[in-house]
Protein backbone atom coordinates (compact mmCIF):
# COMPACT_ATOMS: atom_id res chain seq x y z
CA MET A 1 -7.53 1.62 19.51
CA CYS A 2 -8.64 4.98 18.88
CA GLY A 3 -7.27 7.61 21.24
CA CYS A 4 -4.95 5.23 22.97
CA PRO A 5 -1.75 7.01 24.41
CA PHE A 6 0.73 4.56 22.43
CA THR A 7 4.37 4.86 22.57
CA ASP A 8 6.95 4.08 19.89
CA GLU A 9 7.41 0.73 21.65
CA GLY A 10 3.84 0.06 21.93
CA PHE A 11 3.46 0.61 18.27
CA ALA A 12 6.26 -1.54 17.52
CA ALA A 13 4.44 -4.47 19.71
CA LEU A 14 1.22 -3.81 17.72
CA ALA A 15 3.13 -3.78 14.28
CA SER A 16 4.89 -7.11 15.43
CA ALA A 17 1.47 -8.70 16.42
CA LEU A 18 0.07 -7.85 13.36
CA LYS A 19 2.69 -9.16 11.18
CA SER A 20 2.34 -12.55 12.90
CA ASN A 21 -1.51 -12.65 12.81
CA VAL A 22 -2.36 -10.34 9.82
CA SER A 23 -4.76 -12.50 8.18
CA TYR A 24 -7.54 -12.41 10.80
CA LEU A 25 -7.77 -8.49 11.34
CA ARG A 26 -9.88 -6.76 8.78
CA GLU A 27 -10.31 -3.33 10.48
CA LEU A 28 -7.98 -1.32 12.36
CA ASN A 29 -8.70 2.46 13.90
CA LEU A 30 -5.53 4.09 15.11
CA SER A 31 -7.32 7.56 14.92
CA GLU A 32 -6.22 10.29 17.47
CA ASN A 33 -2.82 8.64 18.18
CA LYS A 34 0.24 10.44 17.46
CA LEU A 35 1.98 7.75 15.48
CA GLY A 36 5.32 9.57 14.58
CA LYS A 37 7.89 7.10 13.57
CA SER A 38 5.42 4.15 13.92
CA VAL A 39 3.89 4.90 10.38
CA ASP A 40 7.02 3.02 8.90
CA GLN A 41 6.31 -0.14 11.08
CA LEU A 42 2.74 0.04 10.31
CA SER A 43 3.47 0.43 6.35
CA ALA A 44 5.75 -2.51 6.69
CA VAL A 45 2.58 -4.40 7.73
CA LEU A 46 0.43 -3.27 4.82
CA GLU A 47 3.33 -4.28 2.46
CA ASP A 48 3.06 -7.98 3.81
CA LEU A 49 1.08 -10.05 1.30
CA HIS A 50 -0.66 -11.79 3.88
CA CYS A 51 -2.20 -8.69 5.25
CA GLN A 52 -6.12 -8.59 4.84
CA LEU A 53 -6.82 -5.18 6.31
CA GLU A 54 -9.95 -3.72 4.59
CA LYS A 55 -10.32 -0.43 6.79
CA LEU A 56 -7.83 1.70 8.15
CA TRP A 57 -8.61 4.80 10.03
CA PHE A 58 -5.57 7.30 10.90
CA ARG A 59 -7.89 10.49 11.44
CA ASP A 60 -6.39 13.38 13.63
CA SER A 61 -3.19 11.20 13.99
CA GLY A 62 -0.51 13.92 13.18
CA LEU A 63 0.44 12.49 9.91
CA THR A 64 2.80 14.22 7.69
CA ASP A 65 3.29 14.25 3.85
CA GLU A 66 6.58 11.58 4.56
CA ASP A 67 4.09 9.44 6.53
CA CYS A 68 1.59 9.38 4.04
CA ALA A 69 4.47 8.79 1.20
CA SER A 70 5.37 5.96 3.44
CA LEU A 71 1.85 4.59 3.29
CA THR A 72 1.21 5.05 -0.36
CA SER A 73 4.38 3.00 -1.18
CA ALA A 74 3.01 0.06 1.04
CA LEU A 75 -0.35 0.35 -0.76
CA ARG A 76 1.34 0.26 -4.09
CA SER A 77 3.30 -2.80 -2.88
CA ASN A 78 0.09 -4.68 -1.69
CA PRO A 79 -3.03 -3.06 -3.20
CA SER A 80 -5.51 -5.84 -3.22
CA HIS A 81 -7.40 -5.61 0.21
CA LEU A 82 -7.63 -2.07 1.54
CA ARG A 83 -11.00 -0.74 0.82
CA GLN A 84 -11.19 2.22 3.03
CA LEU A 85 -8.66 4.72 4.40
CA ASP A 86 -9.36 7.54 6.54
CA LEU A 87 -6.44 10.26 6.86
CA SER A 88 -8.92 13.26 7.76
CA GLY A 89 -7.65 15.72 10.07
CA ASN A 90 -4.08 15.29 9.14
CA LYS A 91 -2.14 18.20 7.35
CA LEU A 92 -1.22 16.75 4.22
CA GLY A 93 0.12 18.26 1.06
CA TYR A 94 1.78 16.96 -1.76
CA SER A 95 1.28 13.40 -0.67
CA VAL A 96 -2.46 13.63 -1.60
CA LYS A 97 -1.33 13.38 -5.24
CA LEU A 98 0.40 10.27 -4.43
CA LEU A 99 -2.32 8.79 -2.87
CA SER A 100 -4.63 9.70 -5.88
CA ALA A 101 -2.31 7.52 -7.96
CA VAL A 102 -3.14 4.37 -5.90
CA LEU A 103 -7.00 5.14 -6.35
CA LYS A 104 -6.29 5.07 -9.93
CA ASP A 105 -4.34 1.81 -9.80
CA PRO A 106 -6.48 -1.16 -11.47
CA ARG A 107 -5.10 -3.45 -8.76
CA SER A 108 -6.28 -1.38 -6.02
CA ASN A 109 -9.53 -2.01 -4.32
CA LEU A 110 -9.47 1.22 -2.58
CA GLU A 111 -13.02 2.62 -2.78
CA LYS A 112 -13.20 5.34 -0.06
CA LEU A 113 -10.42 7.71 0.80
CA TRP A 114 -10.84 10.81 3.32
């Protein structure tokens, strides 16, 4: 789904579908999409204990520190499966420190963060 011109409604539909079928999806590439308020909906998917995502890409998606904080909170709630997270090309500041704490969490399987 890299570079797809999603609307907020499109992301809401995607998040709803992921919540109902999370156990089958292992990789999701949402790079080059302007996520906006949709990050909160996607974070809710990551918080779901049934979420089995192992690789997630948000490269060049216009993420803010607030978006990253929302993702970090979700990863703290459900740290067990995600192994790779690509946030490259986003202008992040203080939230990078929040993410580094997730890397140090012994329950986390996050191996690669860029």
